[in-house]
Amino acid sequence: MITVRYFASLREKLGPEERVMWRQGFTLSALRDALIAKGADHASVLSRERAVRCALNQQMSNEDALIPDDAEVAFFPPVTGG
């Protein structure tokens, strides 16, 4: 099980976080694709046509990074205010 957190405009559409059953050895890219397949809301904000950044255990990561068990993954737009 991993925790997926959403920030900025993604959070407005999907909420702050969700828990996802996940198998070790899969990448952030595979997770993003699985979330896109969940439905229209996920597809609209995580679409491959949109720029979305990701972090794995609070470190910026490329989508080819492997997700360990009990990881925290964050998705957010490329520019966030603050």
Foldseek 3Di string as FASTA:
>chain_A
DEKEAEDDPLCVQPNGIDDDDDDFPAWQLVVLVVQLVPDDSSVVVSPPVAAKWKDKQPHTDDRRDTHHPHIYMYIYHPDDDD
